[in-house]
C-alpha atoms as a PDB file:
ATOM      1  CA  MET A   1      26.926  23.835  68.016  1.00  0.00           C
ATOM      2  CA  CYS A   2      23.265  23.985  69.149  1.00  0.00           C
ATOM      3  CA  ASP A   3      20.703  25.173  66.635  1.00  0.00           C
ATOM      4  CA  CYS A   4      20.160  28.591  68.228  1.00  0.00           C
ATOM      5  CA  CYS A   5      23.715  29.283  69.404  1.00  0.00           C
ATOM      6  CA  THR A   6      24.795  30.602  66.000  1.00  0.00           C
ATOM      7  CA  LEU A   7      21.949  33.099  65.989  1.00  0.00           C
ATOM      8  CA  GLN A   8      22.597  33.988  69.624  1.00  0.00           C
ATOM      9  CA  ASP A   9      26.261  34.612  68.890  1.00  0.00           C
ATOM     10  CA  GLY A  10      25.368  36.877  65.975  1.00  0.00           C
ATOM     11  CA  ALA A  11      22.844  38.844  68.015  1.00  0.00           C
ATOM     12  CA  GLU A  12      25.265  39.171  70.905  1.00  0.00           C
ATOM     13  CA  ALA A  13      28.024  40.445  68.625  1.00  0.00           C
ATOM     14  CA  ALA A  14      25.687  43.044  67.120  1.00  0.00           C
ATOM     15  CA  ASP A  15      24.500  44.226  70.535  1.00  0.00           C
ATOM     16  CA  ASP A  16      28.060  44.416  71.838  1.00  0.00           C
ATOM     17  CA  LEU A  17      29.074  46.497  68.827  1.00  0.00           C
ATOM     18  CA  LEU A  18      26.233  48.949  69.364  1.00  0.00           C
ATOM     19  CA  GLU A  19      26.744  49.186  73.119  1.00  0.00           C
ATOM     20  CA  ASP A  20      30.542  49.183  73.354  1.00  0.00           C
ATOM     21  CA  VAL A  21      31.608  50.981  70.185  1.00  0.00           C
ATOM     22  CA  PHE A  22      28.749  53.299  69.289  1.00  0.00           C
ATOM     23  CA  ARG A  23      27.291  53.655  72.821  1.00  0.00           C
ATOM     24  CA  VAL A  24      23.798  52.886  71.509  1.00  0.00           C
ATOM     25  CA  PRO A  25      21.545  51.235  74.122  1.00  0.00           C
ATOM     26  CA  VAL A  26      19.846  48.066  72.871  1.00  0.00           C
ATOM     27  CA  GLU A  27      17.464  47.388  75.768  1.00  0.00           C
ATOM     28  CA  LYS A  28      13.952  47.569  74.354  1.00  0.00           C
ATOM     29  CA  ALA A  29      10.660  45.717  74.480  1.00  0.00           C
ATOM     30  CA  LEU A  30      11.031  42.598  72.380  1.00  0.00           C
ATOM     31  CA  ASN A  31       8.400  40.442  70.718  1.00  0.00           C
ATOM     32  CA  PRO A  32       8.590  36.780  71.843  1.00  0.00           C
ATOM     33  CA  LEU A  33       6.667  35.738  68.720  1.00  0.00           C
ATOM     34  CA  HIS A  34       9.303  37.211  66.400  1.00  0.00           C
ATOM     35  CA  ALA A  35      11.957  34.570  65.667  1.00  0.00           C
ATOM     36  CA  VAL A  36      15.006  36.846  65.748  1.00  0.00           C
ATOM     37  CA  GLN A  37      13.807  38.966  68.674  1.00  0.00           C
ATOM     38  CA  PHE A  38      13.025  35.782  70.614  1.00  0.00           C
ATOM     39  CA  VAL A  39      16.631  34.643  70.177  1.00  0.00           C
ATOM     40  CA  THR A  40      17.743  38.045  71.464  1.00  0.00           C
ATOM     41  CA  MET A  41      15.563  37.548  74.557  1.00  0.00           C
ATOM     42  CA  ILE A  42      17.198  34.167  75.140  1.00  0.00           C
ATOM     43  CA  ARG A  43      20.662  35.657  74.738  1.00  0.00           C
ATOM     44  CA  ARG A  44      19.961  38.409  77.252  1.00  0.00           C
ATOM     45  CA  LEU A  45      18.574  35.947  79.775  1.00  0.00           C
ATOM     46  CA  SER A  46      21.589  33.684  79.335  1.00  0.00           C
ATOM     47  CA  ARG A  47      23.899  36.646  79.828  1.00  0.00           C
ATOM     48  CA  SER A  48      22.053  37.715  82.991  1.00  0.00           C
ATOM     49  CA  LEU A  49      22.235  34.224  84.473  1.00  0.00           C
ATOM     50  CA  ARG A  50      25.964  33.982  83.724  1.00  0.00           C
ATOM     51  CA  ALA A  51      26.520  37.418  85.253  1.00  0.00           C
ATOM     52  CA  LYS A  52      24.937  36.269  88.530  1.00  0.00           C
ATOM     53  CA  ALA A  53      26.344  32.753  88.771  1.00  0.00           C
ATOM     54  CA  GLY A  54      29.656  33.178  86.967  1.00  0.00           C
ATOM     55  CA  PRO A  55      31.590  35.177  89.596  1.00  0.00           C
ATOM     56  CA  ILE A  56      30.492  32.815  92.381  1.00  0.00           C
ATOM     57  CA  GLU A  57      31.421  29.721  90.411  1.00  0.00           C
ATOM     58  CA  GLN A  58      34.737  31.247  89.307  1.00  0.00           C
ATOM     59  CA  GLU A  59      35.546  32.052  92.923  1.00  0.00           C
ATOM     60  CA  VAL A  60      34.676  28.501  93.972  1.00  0.00           C
ATOM     61  CA  SER A  61      36.772  27.054  91.166  1.00  0.00           C
ATOM     62  CA  GLU A  62      39.825  29.074  92.206  1.00  0.00           C
ATOM     63  CA  LYS A  63      39.414  28.259  95.905  1.00  0.00           C
ATOM     64  CA  ALA A  64      38.951  24.595  95.082  1.00  0.00           C
ATOM     65  CA  LYS A  65      42.175  24.629  93.064  1.00  0.00           C
ATOM     66  CA  GLU A  66      43.997  26.069  96.071  1.00  0.00           C
ATOM     67  CA  LEU A  67      42.538  23.417  98.381  1.00  0.00           C
ATOM     68  CA  VAL A  68      43.570  20.479  96.205  1.00  0.00           C
ATOM     69  CA  ASP A  69      47.131  21.743  95.729  1.00  0.00           C
ATOM     70  CA  ALA A  70      48.386  19.615  98.613  1.00  0.00           C
ATOM     71  CA  ASN A  71      50.997  16.980  99.419  1.00  0.00           C
ATOM     72  CA  TRP A  72      48.560  14.094  99.045  1.00  0.00           C
ATOM     73  CA  PRO A  73      51.057  11.247  99.563  1.00  0.00           C
ATOM     74  CA  GLU A  74      51.980  12.700 102.972  1.00  0.00           C
ATOM     75  CA  LEU A  75      48.402  13.220 104.200  1.00  0.00           C
ATOM     76  CA  SER A  76      46.660  10.667 106.383  1.00  0.00           C
ATOM     77  CA  ALA A  77      43.457   9.065 105.109  1.00  0.00           C
ATOM     78  CA  SER A  78      41.331  11.231 107.407  1.00  0.00           C
ATOM     79  CA  ALA A  79      43.177  14.391 106.360  1.00  0.00           C
ATOM     80  CA  ARG A  80      42.569  13.543 102.701  1.00  0.00           C
ATOM     81  CA  ASP A  81      38.867  12.985 103.402  1.00  0.00           C
ATOM     82  CA  ASN A  82      38.620  16.274 105.269  1.00  0.00           C
ATOM     83  CA  LYS A  83      40.243  18.234 102.457  1.00  0.00           C
ATOM     84  CA  LEU A  84      38.024  16.677  99.808  1.00  0.00           C
ATOM     85  CA  GLN A  85      34.987  17.365 101.988  1.00  0.00           C
ATOM     86  CA  GLU A  86      36.027  21.015 102.118  1.00  0.00           C
ATOM     87  CA  VAL A  87      35.814  21.129  98.339  1.00  0.00           C
ATOM     88  CA  SER A  88      32.368  19.554  98.389  1.00  0.00           C
ATOM     89  CA  ASP A  89      31.141  21.942 101.091  1.00  0.00           C
ATOM     90  CA  LEU A  90      32.522  24.883  99.128  1.00  0.00           C
ATOM     91  CA  MET A  91      30.480  23.960  96.053  1.00  0.00           C
ATOM     92  CA  GLU A  92      27.323  23.188  98.010  1.00  0.00           C
ATOM     93  CA  GLY A  93      27.615  26.588  99.643  1.00  0.00           C
ATOM     94  CA  ALA A  94      27.904  28.174  96.215  1.00  0.00           C
ATOM     95  CA  ALA A  95      24.652  26.520  95.124  1.00  0.00           C
ATOM     96  CA  GLU A  96      22.845  28.136  98.046  1.00  0.00           C
ATOM     97  CA  ARG A  97      24.500  31.520  97.454  1.00  0.00           C
ATOM     98  CA  GLU A  98      23.395  31.483  93.824  1.00  0.00           C
ATOM     99  CA  MET A  99      19.743  30.693  94.529  1.00  0.00           C
ATOM    100  CA  PRO A 100      18.426  34.175  95.401  1.00  0.00           C
ATOM    101  CA  LEU A 101      20.377  35.718  92.525  1.00  0.00           C
ATOM    102  CA  ILE A 102      19.123  33.207  89.972  1.00  0.00           C
ATOM    103  CA  TYR A 103      15.608  33.528  91.395  1.00  0.00           C
ATOM    104  CA  SER A 104      15.626  37.289  90.819  1.00  0.00           C
ATOM    105  CA  VAL A 105      16.679  36.857  87.175  1.00  0.00           C
ATOM    106  CA  PHE A 106      14.021  34.246  86.476  1.00  0.00           C
ATOM    107  CA  ASP A 107      11.395  36.316  88.300  1.00  0.00           C
ATOM    108  CA  ALA A 108      11.979  39.380  86.136  1.00  0.00           C
ATOM    109  CA  ASN A 109      12.221  37.451  82.884  1.00  0.00           C
ATOM    110  CA  ALA A 110       9.211  35.212  83.521  1.00  0.00           C
ATOM    111  CA  SER A 111       6.988  38.234  84.042  1.00  0.00           C
ATOM    112  CA  GLN A 112       8.456  39.949  81.002  1.00  0.00           C
ATOM    113  CA  ILE A 113       8.127  37.009  78.579  1.00  0.00           C
ATOM    114  CA  VAL A 114       4.688  35.896  79.767  1.00  0.00           C
ATOM    115  CA  GLY A 115       3.367  39.459  79.697  1.00  0.00           C
ATOM    116  CA  ALA A 116       4.805  40.248  76.265  1.00  0.00           C
ATOM    117  CA  THR A 117       3.572  36.939  74.857  1.00  0.00           C
ATOM    118  CA  ARG A 118       0.038  37.522  76.144  1.00  0.00           C
ATOM    119  CA  LYS A 119      -0.059  40.958  74.525  1.00  0.00           C
ATOM    120  CA  ARG A 120       1.513  39.914  71.230  1.00  0.00           C
ATOM    121  CA  VAL A 121      -0.505  36.717  70.748  1.00  0.00           C
ATOM    122  CA  ALA A 122      -3.757  38.637  71.196  1.00  0.00           C
ATOM    123  CA  GLU A 123      -2.619  41.161  68.573  1.00  0.00           C
ATOM    124  CA  LYS A 124      -1.077  38.747  66.075  1.00  0.00           C
ATOM    125  CA  PHE A 125      -3.982  36.299  65.932  1.00  0.00           C
ATOM    126  CA  ASP A 126      -6.726  38.867  66.613  1.00  0.00           C
ATOM    127  CA  LEU A 127      -7.966  36.975  69.645  1.00  0.00           C
ATOM    128  CA  SER A 128     -10.988  38.255  71.560  1.00  0.00           C
ATOM    129  CA  ILE A 129      -9.150  38.220  74.881  1.00  0.00           C
ATOM    130  CA  SER A 130      -7.745  40.850  77.200  1.00  0.00           C
ATOM    131  CA  ALA A 131      -4.057  41.666  76.932  1.00  0.00           C
ATOM    132  CA  SER A 132      -3.873  41.669  80.737  1.00  0.00           C
ATOM    133  CA  LEU A 133      -2.398  38.703  82.578  1.00  0.00           C
ATOM    134  CA  THR A 134      -4.795  36.077  83.928  1.00  0.00           C
ATOM    135  CA  ASP A 135      -4.392  33.929  87.024  1.00  0.00           C
ATOM    136  CA  ARG A 136      -3.124  31.108  84.804  1.00  0.00           C
ATOM    137  CA  ASP A 137      -0.515  33.402  83.285  1.00  0.00           C
ATOM    138  CA  GLN A 138       0.665  34.360  86.751  1.00  0.00           C
ATOM    139  CA  THR A 139       0.804  30.686  87.685  1.00  0.00           C
ATOM    140  CA  THR A 140       2.922  30.041  84.586  1.00  0.00           C
ATOM    141  CA  SER A 141       5.278  32.879  85.509  1.00  0.00           C
ATOM    142  CA  ASP A 142       5.617  31.823  89.151  1.00  0.00           C
ATOM    143  CA  ASN A 143       5.998  28.129  88.336  1.00  0.00           C
ATOM    144  CA  LEU A 144       8.710  28.679  85.739  1.00  0.00           C
ATOM    145  CA  ARG A 145      10.590  30.964  88.128  1.00  0.00           C
ATOM    146  CA  ASP A 146      10.454  28.480  90.999  1.00  0.00           C
ATOM    147  CA  THR A 147      11.093  25.246  89.098  1.00  0.00           C
ATOM    148  CA  ASN A 148      13.974  26.648  87.062  1.00  0.00           C
ATOM    149  CA  THR A 149      15.637  28.116  90.154  1.00  0.00           C
ATOM    150  CA  LEU A 150      15.453  24.711  91.821  1.00  0.00           C
ATOM    151  CA  PHE A 151      16.643  22.983  88.655  1.00  0.00           C
ATOM    152  CA  VAL A 152      19.730  25.220  88.443  1.00  0.00           C
ATOM    153  CA  ARG A 153      20.441  24.701  92.146  1.00  0.00           C
ATOM    154  CA  ASN A 154      20.007  20.928  91.948  1.00  0.00           C
ATOM    155  CA  ASN A 155      22.206  20.763  88.876  1.00  0.00           C
ATOM    156  CA  TYR A 156      25.049  22.481  90.708  1.00  0.00           C
ATOM    157  CA  LEU A 157      24.649  20.124  93.638  1.00  0.00           C
ATOM    158  CA  GLN A 158      24.921  17.270  91.127  1.00  0.00           C
ATOM    159  CA  VAL A 159      28.035  18.900  89.650  1.00  0.00           C
ATOM    160  CA  SER A 160      29.423  19.057  93.197  1.00  0.00           C
ATOM    161  CA  SER A 161      28.644  15.392  93.847  1.00  0.00           C
ATOM    162  CA  THR A 162      30.148  14.269  90.539  1.00  0.00           C
ATOM    163  CA  LEU A 163      33.250  16.401  91.027  1.00  0.00           C
ATOM    164  CA  SER A 164      33.734  15.156  94.589  1.00  0.00           C
ATOM    165  CA  GLU A 165      33.567  11.558  93.410  1.00  0.00           C
ATOM    166  CA  LYS A 166      35.992  12.303  90.591  1.00  0.00           C
ATOM    167  CA  ALA A 167      38.409  13.997  92.997  1.00  0.00           C
ATOM    168  CA  ARG A 168      38.369  10.971  95.308  1.00  0.00           C
ATOM    169  CA  ASP A 169      39.057   8.704  92.342  1.00  0.00           C
ATOM    170  CA  ILE A 170      41.961  10.903  91.210  1.00  0.00           C
ATOM    171  CA  VAL A 171      43.545  10.806  94.675  1.00  0.00           C
ATOM    172  CA  ALA A 172      43.000   7.080  95.177  1.00  0.00           C
ATOM    173  CA  SER A 173      44.244   6.207  91.696  1.00  0.00           C
ATOM    174  CA  GLY A 174      47.249   8.521  91.985  1.00  0.00           C
ATOM    175  CA  LEU A 175      48.325   7.072  95.299  1.00  0.00           C
ATOM    176  CA  GLU A 176      47.885   3.523  94.024  1.00  0.00           C
ATOM    177  CA  LYS A 177      50.103   4.295  91.026  1.00  0.00           C
ATOM    178  CA  GLY A 178      52.721   5.938  93.225  1.00  0.00           C
ATOM    179  CA  PHE A 179      52.223   9.441  91.856  1.00  0.00           C
ATOM    180  CA  GLY A 180      53.740  12.341  93.771  1.00  0.00           C
ATOM    181  CA  ARG A 181      52.264  15.619  94.898  1.00  0.00           C
ATOM    182  CA  GLU A 182      52.696  17.421  91.581  1.00  0.00           C
ATOM    183  CA  ASP A 183      50.952  14.813  89.435  1.00  0.00           C
ATOM    184  CA  ILE A 184      47.997  14.285  91.769  1.00  0.00           C
ATOM    185  CA  SER A 185      47.530  18.003  92.396  1.00  0.00           C
ATOM    186  CA  ALA A 186      47.783  18.797  88.688  1.00  0.00           C
ATOM    187  CA  ASP A 187      45.005  16.311  87.861  1.00  0.00           C
ATOM    188  CA  LEU A 188      42.837  17.679  90.656  1.00  0.00           C
ATOM    189  CA  ILE A 189      43.400  21.306  89.663  1.00  0.00           C
ATOM    190  CA  GLU A 190      42.377  20.464  86.094  1.00  0.00           C
ATOM    191  CA  ALA A 191      39.222  18.756  87.375  1.00  0.00           C
ATOM    192  CA  MET A 192      38.291  21.775  89.490  1.00  0.00           C
ATOM    193  CA  GLY A 193      37.797  23.782  86.308  1.00  0.00           C
ATOM    194  CA  SER A 194      34.402  22.095  85.950  1.00  0.00           C
ATOM    195  CA  ALA A 195      33.235  23.829  89.138  1.00  0.00           C
ATOM    196  CA  LYS A 196      32.270  26.672  86.773  1.00  0.00           C
ATOM    197  CA  ARG A 197      29.458  25.763  84.415  1.00  0.00           C
ATOM    198  CA  PRO A 198      30.075  26.598  80.722  1.00  0.00           C
ATOM    199  CA  ASP A 199      28.204  29.150  78.630  1.00  0.00           C
ATOM    200  CA  GLY A 200      26.427  26.343  76.783  1.00  0.00           C
ATOM    201  CA  TYR A 201      24.682  25.320  79.999  1.00  0.00           C
ATOM    202  CA  TRP A 202      23.242  28.789  80.550  1.00  0.00           C
ATOM    203  CA  ASN A 203      22.213  29.053  76.888  1.00  0.00           C
ATOM    204  CA  MET A 204      20.264  25.811  77.256  1.00  0.00           C
ATOM    205  CA  ILE A 205      18.607  26.925  80.498  1.00  0.00           C
ATOM    206  CA  ALA A 206      17.647  30.283  78.988  1.00  0.00           C
ATOM    207  CA  THR A 207      16.250  28.680  75.824  1.00  0.00           C
ATOM    208  CA  VAL A 208      14.099  26.106  77.610  1.00  0.00           C
ATOM    209  CA  PHE A 209      12.846  28.629  80.164  1.00  0.00           C
ATOM    210  CA  SER A 210      11.949  31.214  77.527  1.00  0.00           C
ATOM    211  CA  ASN A 211      10.251  28.772  75.186  1.00  0.00           C
ATOM    212  CA  ARG A 212       8.136  27.225  77.923  1.00  0.00           C
ATOM    213  CA  ALA A 213       7.097  30.703  79.073  1.00  0.00           C
ATOM    214  CA  ARG A 214       6.156  31.661  75.519  1.00  0.00           C
ATOM    215  CA  ASN A 215       4.346  28.474  74.525  1.00  0.00           C
ATOM    216  CA  PHE A 216       2.547  27.800  77.809  1.00  0.00           C
ATOM    217  CA  THR A 217       1.186  31.347  77.642  1.00  0.00           C
ATOM    218  CA  GLN A 218       0.120  30.940  74.019  1.00  0.00           C
ATOM    219  CA  ILE A 219      -1.733  27.697  74.722  1.00  0.00           C
ATOM    220  CA  HIS A 220      -3.660  29.313  77.562  1.00  0.00           C
ATOM    221  CA  ALA A 221      -4.522  32.294  75.350  1.00  0.00           C
ATOM    222  CA  PHE A 222      -5.728  30.003  72.549  1.00  0.00           C
ATOM    223  CA  GLN A 223      -7.843  28.028  75.010  1.00  0.00           C
ATOM    224  CA  GLU A 224      -9.356  31.206  76.433  1.00  0.00           C
ATOM    225  CA  ALA A 225     -10.217  32.259  72.873  1.00  0.00           C
ATOM    226  CA  GLU A 226     -11.938  28.881  72.398  1.00  0.00           C
ATOM    227  CA  ILE A 227      -9.495  27.699  69.750  1.00  0.00           C
ATOM    228  CA  LEU A 228      -9.544  23.904  69.636  1.00  0.00           C
ATOM    229  CA  ALA A 229      -6.238  23.020  67.996  1.00  0.00           C
ATOM    230  CA  TYR A 230      -2.805  24.406  67.260  1.00  0.00           C
ATOM    231  CA  ILE A 231      -0.036  23.704  64.781  1.00  0.00           C
ATOM    232  CA  TRP A 232       3.608  23.057  65.629  1.00  0.00           C
ATOM    233  CA  GLU A 233       5.662  25.653  63.755  1.00  0.00           C
ATOM    234  CA  SER A 234       9.420  25.168  63.459  1.00  0.00           C
ATOM    235  CA  VAL A 235      11.997  27.669  62.254  1.00  0.00           C
ATOM    236  CA  VAL A 236      13.229  25.621  59.297  1.00  0.00           C
ATOM    237  CA  ASP A 237      16.691  27.005  58.618  1.00  0.00           C
ATOM    238  CA  GLU A 238      20.199  25.560  58.364  1.00  0.00           C
ATOM    239  CA  VAL A 239      20.518  24.884  62.097  1.00  0.00           C
ATOM    240  CA  THR A 240      17.057  23.419  62.751  1.00  0.00           C
ATOM    241  CA  SER A 241      17.180  19.962  64.344  1.00  0.00           C
ATOM    242  CA  ASP A 242      15.655  16.784  62.925  1.00  0.00           C
ATOM    243  CA  GLN A 243      13.379  16.750  65.970  1.00  0.00           C
ATOM    244  CA  CYS A 244      11.745  20.040  64.991  1.00  0.00           C
ATOM    245  CA  ARG A 245      11.673  19.167  61.280  1.00  0.00           C
ATOM    246  CA  PHE A 246       9.826  15.917  62.064  1.00  0.00           C
ATOM    247  CA  LEU A 247       7.182  17.743  64.149  1.00  0.00           C
ATOM    248  CA  HIS A 248       6.806  20.787  61.885  1.00  0.00           C
ATOM    249  CA  GLY A 249       3.229  21.311  60.700  1.00  0.00           C
ATOM    250  CA  ARG A 250       1.558  18.731  62.953  1.00  0.00           C
ATOM    251  CA  GLU A 251      -1.787  19.628  64.488  1.00  0.00           C
ATOM    252  CA  PHE A 252      -2.515  18.929  68.147  1.00  0.00           C
ATOM    253  CA  SER A 253      -5.447  19.356  70.538  1.00  0.00           C
ATOM    254  CA  ILE A 254      -5.290  22.376  72.819  1.00  0.00           C
ATOM    255  CA  GLU A 255      -7.360  20.709  75.532  1.00  0.00           C
ATOM    256  CA  THR A 256      -4.973  17.732  75.632  1.00  0.00           C
ATOM    257  CA  VAL A 257      -1.808  19.811  75.885  1.00  0.00           C
ATOM    258  CA  ALA A 258      -3.384  22.202  78.424  1.00  0.00           C
ATOM    259  CA  LYS A 259      -3.921  19.220  80.723  1.00  0.00           C
ATOM    260  CA  ARG A 260      -0.282  18.238  80.168  1.00  0.00           C
ATOM    261  CA  ILE A 261       0.814  21.753  81.184  1.00  0.00           C
ATOM    262  CA  GLU A 262      -1.237  21.414  84.373  1.00  0.00           C
ATOM    263  CA  ARG A 263       0.679  18.222  85.186  1.00  0.00           C
ATOM    264  CA  VAL A 264       3.994  19.991  84.590  1.00  0.00           C
ATOM    265  CA  GLN A 265       3.032  22.849  86.868  1.00  0.00           C
ATOM    266  CA  ALA A 266       1.850  20.458  89.580  1.00  0.00           C
ATOM    267  CA  ALA A 267       5.124  18.501  89.591  1.00  0.00           C
ATOM    268  CA  GLU A 268       6.881  18.804  92.955  1.00  0.00           C
ATOM    269  CA  ASP A 269      10.299  17.837  91.613  1.00  0.00           C
ATOM    270  CA  PRO A 270      11.556  19.800  88.577  1.00  0.00           C
ATOM    271  CA  GLU A 271      13.338  16.637  87.415  1.00  0.00           C
ATOM    272  CA  ASP A 272       9.909  15.029  86.882  1.00  0.00           C
ATOM    273  CA  ILE A 273       9.066  17.492  84.125  1.00  0.00           C
ATOM    274  CA  LEU A 274      11.157  15.565  81.587  1.00  0.00           C
ATOM    275  CA  ASN A 275       9.023  12.498  82.269  1.00  0.00           C
ATOM    276  CA  ILE A 276       5.811  14.482  81.740  1.00  0.00           C
ATOM    277  CA  MET A 277       7.095  16.365  78.681  1.00  0.00           C
ATOM    278  CA  PRO A 278      10.119  14.359  77.498  1.00  0.00           C
ATOM    279  CA  TRP A 279      12.769  15.597  75.122  1.00  0.00           C
ATOM    280  CA  ILE A 280      13.327  13.892  71.792  1.00  0.00           C
ATOM    281  CA  ARG A 281      16.916  12.748  71.323  1.00  0.00           C
ATOM    282  CA  LYS A 282      18.870  11.465  68.340  1.00  0.00           C
ATOM    283  CA  GLY A 283      21.010   8.353  68.169  1.00  0.00           C
ATOM    284  CA  ARG A 284      21.446   4.869  66.753  1.00  0.00           C
ATOM    285  CA  ASN A 285      18.834   2.232  67.551  1.00  0.00           C
ATOM    286  CA  ASP A 286      19.447  -1.495  68.045  1.00  0.00           C
ATOM    287  CA  ASP A 287      19.416  -2.026  64.282  1.00  0.00           C
ATOM    288  CA  GLY A 288      22.094   0.616  63.799  1.00  0.00           C
ATOM    289  CA  ASP A 289      19.696   3.083  62.156  1.00  0.00           C
ATOM    290  CA  LEU A 290      19.872   6.758  63.028  1.00  0.00           C
ATOM    291  CA  SER A 291      16.624   7.530  64.812  1.00  0.00           C
ATOM    292  CA  LEU A 292      14.763   9.946  67.043  1.00  0.00           C
ATOM    293  CA  TYR A 293      13.680   8.639  70.432  1.00  0.00           C
ATOM    294  CA  TYR A 294      12.581   9.694  73.893  1.00  0.00           C
ATOM    295  CA  LYS A 295      13.126   8.191  77.317  1.00  0.00           C
ATOM    296  CA  VAL A 296      10.866   7.845  80.317  1.00  0.00           C
ATOM    297  CA  GLY A 297      13.047   6.744  83.182  1.00  0.00           C
ATOM    298  CA  GLU A 298      15.577   4.405  81.596  1.00  0.00           C
ATOM    299  CA  LYS A 299      13.218   3.046  78.948  1.00  0.00           C
ATOM    300  CA  ARG A 300      13.835   4.172  75.379  1.00  0.00           C
ATOM    301  CA  HIS A 301      10.924   4.688  72.958  1.00  0.00           C
ATOM    302  CA  GLU A 302      11.532   5.217  69.244  1.00  0.00           C
ATOM    303  CA  VAL A 303       9.836   8.197  67.585  1.00  0.00           C
ATOM    304  CA  CYS A 304      10.997   7.596  64.011  1.00  0.00           C
ATOM    305  CA  VAL A 305      13.883   6.464  61.824  1.00  0.00           C
ATOM    306  CA  ILE A 306      15.801   9.218  60.027  1.00  0.00           C
ATOM    307  CA  ASP A 307      16.040   8.163  56.379  1.00  0.00           C
ATOM    308  CA  GLU A 308      17.372  11.510  55.186  1.00  0.00           C
ATOM    309  CA  THR A 309      18.248  14.363  57.506  1.00  0.00           C
ATOM    310  CA  GLY A 310      17.240  17.893  56.661  1.00  0.00           C
ATOM    311  CA  GLU A 311      19.829  19.434  58.965  1.00  0.00           C
ATOM    312  CA  GLY A 312      22.114  21.937  57.280  1.00  0.00           C
ATOM    313  CA  GLU A 313      19.521  23.142  54.764  1.00  0.00           C
ATOM    314  CA  SER A 314      16.793  25.767  54.853  1.00  0.00           C
ATOM    315  CA  ASP A 315      13.205  24.862  53.972  1.00  0.00           C
ATOM    316  CA  LYS A 316      13.946  21.142  53.838  1.00  0.00           C
ATOM    317  CA  ILE A 317      12.114  18.855  56.213  1.00  0.00           C
ATOM    318  CA  GLY A 318      13.961  15.578  55.635  1.00  0.00           C
ATOM    319  CA  LYS A 319      12.622  12.042  55.298  1.00  0.00           C
ATOM    320  CA  TYR A 320      11.499   9.920  58.234  1.00  0.00           C
ATOM    321  CA  SER A 321       9.941   6.443  58.481  1.00  0.00           C
ATOM    322  CA  ASN A 322       8.248   4.321  61.147  1.00  0.00           C
ATOM    323  CA  GLY A 323       7.157   7.562  62.789  1.00  0.00           C
ATOM    324  CA  MET A 324       4.790   7.880  65.724  1.00  0.00           C
ATOM    325  CA  ALA A 325       1.315   9.086  64.811  1.00  0.00           C
ATOM    326  CA  THR A 326       0.258  12.534  65.944  1.00  0.00           C
ATOM    327  CA  GLU A 327      -2.132  11.125  68.546  1.00  0.00           C
ATOM    328  CA  ALA A 328       0.624   8.934  69.980  1.00  0.00           C
ATOM    329  CA  LEU A 329       2.985  11.902  70.124  1.00  0.00           C
ATOM    330  CA  ALA A 330       0.416  13.890  72.118  1.00  0.00           C
ATOM    331  CA  LYS A 331      -0.219  10.960  74.455  1.00  0.00           C
ATOM    332  CA  ALA A 332       3.527  10.717  75.135  1.00  0.00           C
ATOM    333  CA  GLY A 333       3.812  14.444  75.903  1.00  0.00           C
ATOM    334  CA  LEU A 334       5.747  15.225  72.706  1.00  0.00           C
ATOM    335  CA  SER A 335       3.355  17.823  71.330  1.00  0.00           C
ATOM    336  CA  LEU A 336       4.648  21.170  72.647  1.00  0.00           C
ATOM    337  CA  PRO A 337       7.997  22.943  72.294  1.00  0.00           C
ATOM    338  CA  PRO A 338      10.635  22.863  73.612  1.00  0.00           C
ATOM    339  CA  ILE A 339      11.404  19.336  72.531  1.00  0.00           C
ATOM    340  CA  HIS A 340      15.169  19.568  73.130  1.00  0.00           C
ATOM    341  CA  GLY A 341      17.611  21.874  74.866  1.00  0.00           C
ATOM    342  CA  SER A 342      17.994  24.456  72.085  1.00  0.00           C
ATOM    343  CA  CYS A 343      14.483  24.256  70.615  1.00  0.00           C
ATOM    344  CA  ARG A 344      13.139  27.469  69.014  1.00  0.00           C
ATOM    345  CA  SER A 345       9.851  26.025  67.750  1.00  0.00           C
ATOM    346  CA  THR A 346       6.548  27.688  68.556  1.00  0.00           C
ATOM    347  CA  VAL A 347       2.801  27.166  68.031  1.00  0.00           C
ATOM    348  CA  ILE A 348       0.092  28.863  65.969  1.00  0.00           C
ATOM    349  CA  PRO A 349      -3.689  28.425  65.969  1.00  0.00           C
ATOM    350  CA  ALA A 350      -5.073  25.810  63.590  1.00  0.00           C
ATOM    351  CA  GLY A 351      -7.673  26.827  61.052  1.00  0.00           C
END
């Protein structure tokens, strides 16, 4: 389970209890700089995204199941192609139907998180800046709204492409093996279940979106207050990742990361963002050691070797060797959360 899902589940259960059993409303202004309230913000965003996309994707999944329940051995090659194309067109249409709904959710939440962060960061760190949004804050809000809407749309188009290819393989393989209608249709119907994206996907999208909104806004506020450096601050509890434990406490230049943010916001393709600010992953290296690494394109770069993980324990960092220096991390774009799909880390002023 991802490192914020447990907290999200707990917060969601508490909110549901208050709303459904005791009829107590839980909508209130939340503080993005407060660890628990930030998780609640993520949970609400994830729920809103699922509420918009879920019914459309469920409808598509059910219609796709109906379409593929056919007598495949009796269909001509062109008839099979036409039916499979119908499934593909159905999903591509869903991606376009979702866009304005997803856009509206991101639009409201971007403004809310950026605005609340600006206000709270000025208060918490006693910064001599206005609590009102600046042009850069508005750019952050608009950019996150637009790029994440496109990312969600493009992901569903990729799901459609992958599912279409899988469906063609199922039909071709089934016919080659002499399967009848029931076997081929059953395999296709099972595959069509993936036309609806799981809750974990929306949790990841909500977490990354919210953390970029929070941390981009904080960096701009620090820069405006003429703060020169910031410190990576991880929530070091039982579910914190090795990635965030390794980076916890490191000090980075605000000017350097602000330029990196500008590159992210200038990217025309949302897929390019992970090349500008890559995620750190975990896996075995060529020597068989468990390590942290990042990828740019298809090239893998090692961040460190994990000698002793801290995962599963509170207030334990872990032990890491052959680690990248702080300057190298910044140069690679590994200096600002989120650093993985469920990252809760934040930043604080240095000094």
